[in-house]
Amino acid sequence: MNNKPKDVDTYIATAPKEIQDKLKELRTAIRQIAPTSIERISYGMPYYDYKGRLVYFAFAKSHIGLYIPPPVIEEHKSELKNYETATSTIRFPIDKPLPITLIKKLIKAKMKKNEAKSR
């Protein structure tokens, strides 16, 4: 993506048509769990701030990446065994439904960590 989108609506609109609904679904899930988070574009992708870095997401050719700062992914490794992961990355295949319940659980866990840090 050469031209960085100015907002999340623009980001989603630039995605391939077959991915847009999944990106909207992911955005909705994040907004449901963290309604007071600040939504913006950071590093060219949707970013949510809630008392610190909460979550980013991005589309790629064969997956949608969800980026949650450590240690949340490590702490939920067993629940994420069906997905490709790295320290702060989970890759969800485009050809499968998003595990929204699991995604919400991970975001909640990161929110709790951010709340604890900000006290």
C-alpha atoms as a PDB file:
ATOM      1  CA  MET A   1       0.000   0.000   0.000  1.00  0.00           C
ATOM      2  CA  ASN A   2       1.847   3.100  -1.240  1.00  0.00           C
ATOM      3  CA  ASN A   3      -0.661   5.781  -0.258  1.00  0.00           C
ATOM      4  CA  LYS A   4      -1.249   5.589   3.461  1.00  0.00           C
ATOM      5  CA  PRO A   5      -4.951   5.739   4.245  1.00  0.00           C
ATOM      6  CA  LYS A   6      -6.116   8.711   6.310  1.00  0.00           C
ATOM      7  CA  ASP A   7      -8.572   6.701   8.423  1.00  0.00           C
ATOM      8  CA  VAL A   8      -9.897   3.195   9.041  1.00  0.00           C
ATOM      9  CA  ASP A   9     -12.836   3.582   6.643  1.00  0.00           C
ATOM     10  CA  THR A  10     -10.399   4.415   3.842  1.00  0.00           C
ATOM     11  CA  TYR A  11      -8.130   1.516   4.848  1.00  0.00           C
ATOM     12  CA  ILE A  12     -11.001  -0.972   4.631  1.00  0.00           C
ATOM     13  CA  ALA A  13     -12.202   0.519   1.332  1.00  0.00           C
ATOM     14  CA  THR A  14      -8.738  -0.090  -0.196  1.00  0.00           C
ATOM     15  CA  ALA A  15      -8.814  -3.790   0.720  1.00  0.00           C
ATOM     16  CA  PRO A  16      -9.907  -6.388  -1.846  1.00  0.00           C
ATOM     17  CA  LYS A  17     -13.727  -6.639  -1.913  1.00  0.00           C
ATOM     18  CA  GLU A  18     -13.686 -10.230  -0.602  1.00  0.00           C
ATOM     19  CA  ILE A  19     -11.806  -9.153   2.552  1.00  0.00           C
ATOM     20  CA  GLN A  20     -13.713  -5.969   3.393  1.00  0.00           C
ATOM     21  CA  ASP A  21     -16.518  -7.685   5.334  1.00  0.00           C
ATOM     22  CA  LYS A  22     -13.999  -9.510   7.525  1.00  0.00           C
ATOM     23  CA  LEU A  23     -12.146  -6.272   8.238  1.00  0.00           C
ATOM     24  CA  LYS A  24     -15.446  -4.601   9.163  1.00  0.00           C
ATOM     25  CA  GLU A  25     -16.292  -7.554  11.414  1.00  0.00           C
ATOM     26  CA  LEU A  26     -12.897  -7.279  13.120  1.00  0.00           C
ATOM     27  CA  ARG A  27     -13.269  -3.520  13.568  1.00  0.00           C
ATOM     28  CA  THR A  28     -16.748  -3.990  15.063  1.00  0.00           C
ATOM     29  CA  ALA A  29     -15.431  -6.582  17.522  1.00  0.00           C
ATOM     30  CA  ILE A  30     -12.651  -4.235  18.659  1.00  0.00           C
ATOM     31  CA  ARG A  31     -15.104  -1.335  19.075  1.00  0.00           C
ATOM     32  CA  GLN A  32     -17.505  -3.561  21.067  1.00  0.00           C
ATOM     33  CA  ILE A  33     -14.804  -4.666  23.504  1.00  0.00           C
ATOM     34  CA  ALA A  34     -12.978  -1.314  23.682  1.00  0.00           C
ATOM     35  CA  PRO A  35     -15.585   1.363  22.885  1.00  0.00           C
ATOM     36  CA  THR A  36     -13.503   4.142  24.459  1.00  0.00           C
ATOM     37  CA  SER A  37     -10.337   3.238  22.572  1.00  0.00           C
ATOM     38  CA  ILE A  38      -8.924   5.801  20.170  1.00  0.00           C
ATOM     39  CA  GLU A  39      -9.014   4.602  16.561  1.00  0.00           C
ATOM     40  CA  ARG A  40      -6.479   5.868  14.044  1.00  0.00           C
ATOM     41  CA  ILE A  41      -3.968   4.800  11.423  1.00  0.00           C
ATOM     42  CA  SER A  42      -0.468   3.947  12.642  1.00  0.00           C
ATOM     43  CA  TYR A  43       2.260   2.329  10.539  1.00  0.00           C
ATOM     44  CA  GLY A  44      -0.252   2.409   7.665  1.00  0.00           C
ATOM     45  CA  MET A  45      -2.794   0.152   9.408  1.00  0.00           C
ATOM     46  CA  PRO A  46      -5.758   0.497  11.797  1.00  0.00           C
ATOM     47  CA  TYR A  47      -4.584   1.026  15.365  1.00  0.00           C
ATOM     48  CA  TYR A  48      -6.445   1.230  18.657  1.00  0.00           C
ATOM     49  CA  ASP A  49      -5.145   2.943  21.764  1.00  0.00           C
ATOM     50  CA  TYR A  50      -6.584   2.150  25.162  1.00  0.00           C
ATOM     51  CA  LYS A  51      -4.335   3.340  27.999  1.00  0.00           C
ATOM     52  CA  GLY A  52      -1.462   2.462  25.679  1.00  0.00           C
ATOM     53  CA  ARG A  53      -1.044   0.263  22.624  1.00  0.00           C
ATOM     54  CA  LEU A  54      -4.002  -2.115  22.384  1.00  0.00           C
ATOM     55  CA  VAL A  55      -4.230  -3.700  18.938  1.00  0.00           C
ATOM     56  CA  TYR A  56      -3.509  -3.211  15.238  1.00  0.00           C
ATOM     57  CA  PHE A  57      -4.819  -5.125  12.228  1.00  0.00           C
ATOM     58  CA  ALA A  58      -3.892  -5.423   8.579  1.00  0.00           C
ATOM     59  CA  PHE A  59      -4.781  -7.444   5.510  1.00  0.00           C
ATOM     60  CA  ALA A  60      -2.310  -9.382   3.408  1.00  0.00           C
ATOM     61  CA  LYS A  61      -2.656 -11.617   0.381  1.00  0.00           C
ATOM     62  CA  SER A  62      -3.634 -14.780   2.278  1.00  0.00           C
ATOM     63  CA  HIS A  63      -4.390 -13.646   5.831  1.00  0.00           C
ATOM     64  CA  ILE A  64      -5.561 -10.904   8.144  1.00  0.00           C
ATOM     65  CA  GLY A  65      -2.958 -10.032  10.728  1.00  0.00           C
ATOM     66  CA  LEU A  66      -3.897  -9.071  14.265  1.00  0.00           C
ATOM     67  CA  TYR A  67      -1.086  -7.429  16.188  1.00  0.00           C
ATOM     68  CA  ILE A  68      -1.310  -7.409  19.982  1.00  0.00           C
ATOM     69  CA  PRO A  69       1.714  -6.295  22.018  1.00  0.00           C
ATOM     70  CA  PRO A  70       3.246  -9.013  24.240  1.00  0.00           C
ATOM     71  CA  PRO A  71       2.675 -11.043  26.370  1.00  0.00           C
ATOM     72  CA  VAL A  72      -0.973 -11.725  25.407  1.00  0.00           C
ATOM     73  CA  ILE A  73      -0.252 -14.113  22.522  1.00  0.00           C
ATOM     74  CA  GLU A  74       2.204 -16.149  24.586  1.00  0.00           C
ATOM     75  CA  GLU A  75      -0.310 -16.369  27.439  1.00  0.00           C
ATOM     76  CA  HIS A  76      -3.003 -17.713  25.088  1.00  0.00           C
ATOM     77  CA  LYS A  77      -0.725 -19.973  23.019  1.00  0.00           C
ATOM     78  CA  SER A  78      -2.875 -23.095  23.523  1.00  0.00           C
ATOM     79  CA  GLU A  79      -6.011 -21.336  22.226  1.00  0.00           C
ATOM     80  CA  LEU A  80      -4.050 -20.047  19.219  1.00  0.00           C
ATOM     81  CA  LYS A  81      -2.485 -23.379  18.200  1.00  0.00           C
ATOM     82  CA  ASN A  82      -4.527 -23.475  14.968  1.00  0.00           C
ATOM     83  CA  TYR A  83      -3.086 -20.159  13.779  1.00  0.00           C
ATOM     84  CA  GLU A  84       0.328 -18.966  12.703  1.00  0.00           C
ATOM     85  CA  THR A  85       1.669 -16.711  15.471  1.00  0.00           C
ATOM     86  CA  ALA A  86       4.732 -14.704  16.435  1.00  0.00           C
ATOM     87  CA  THR A  87       5.530 -12.609  19.523  1.00  0.00           C
ATOM     88  CA  SER A  88       2.888  -9.984  18.736  1.00  0.00           C
ATOM     89  CA  THR A  89       1.226 -11.370  15.585  1.00  0.00           C
ATOM     90  CA  ILE A  90      -1.626 -13.743  14.794  1.00  0.00           C
ATOM     91  CA  ARG A  91      -2.413 -14.577  11.175  1.00  0.00           C
ATOM     92  CA  PHE A  92      -6.002 -15.532  10.427  1.00  0.00           C
ATOM     93  CA  PRO A  93      -6.477 -17.232   7.025  1.00  0.00           C
ATOM     94  CA  ILE A  94      -8.717 -15.268   4.688  1.00  0.00           C
ATOM     95  CA  ASP A  95     -10.596 -18.398   3.609  1.00  0.00           C
ATOM     96  CA  LYS A  96     -11.846 -19.197   7.146  1.00  0.00           C
ATOM     97  CA  PRO A  97     -14.232 -17.345   9.486  1.00  0.00           C
ATOM     98  CA  LEU A  98     -12.604 -15.033  12.029  1.00  0.00           C
ATOM     99  CA  PRO A  99     -12.675 -16.434  15.590  1.00  0.00           C
ATOM    100  CA  ILE A 100     -14.412 -13.326  16.954  1.00  0.00           C
ATOM    101  CA  THR A 101     -14.973 -14.718  20.462  1.00  0.00           C
ATOM    102  CA  LEU A 102     -11.265 -15.528  20.769  1.00  0.00           C
ATOM    103  CA  ILE A 103     -10.260 -12.150  19.318  1.00  0.00           C
ATOM    104  CA  LYS A 104     -12.451 -10.365  21.880  1.00  0.00           C
ATOM    105  CA  LYS A 105     -10.909 -12.441  24.672  1.00  0.00           C
ATOM    106  CA  LEU A 106      -7.384 -11.475  23.574  1.00  0.00           C
ATOM    107  CA  ILE A 107      -8.278  -7.786  23.368  1.00  0.00           C
ATOM    108  CA  LYS A 108      -9.884  -7.914  26.828  1.00  0.00           C
ATOM    109  CA  ALA A 109      -6.697  -9.485  28.199  1.00  0.00           C
ATOM    110  CA  LYS A 110      -4.584  -6.681  26.702  1.00  0.00           C
ATOM    111  CA  MET A 111      -6.977  -4.037  28.048  1.00  0.00           C
ATOM    112  CA  LYS A 112      -6.555  -5.458  31.565  1.00  0.00           C
ATOM    113  CA  LYS A 113      -2.761  -5.309  31.190  1.00  0.00           C
ATOM    114  CA  ASN A 114      -2.922  -1.706  29.981  1.00  0.00           C
ATOM    115  CA  GLU A 115      -5.249  -0.762  32.871  1.00  0.00           C
ATOM    116  CA  ALA A 116      -2.894  -2.358  35.407  1.00  0.00           C
ATOM    117  CA  LYS A 117       0.072  -0.494  33.915  1.00  0.00           C
ATOM    118  CA  SER A 118      -1.701   2.868  33.995  1.00  0.00           C
ATOM    119  CA  ARG A 119      -2.581   2.668  37.718  1.00  0.00           C
END
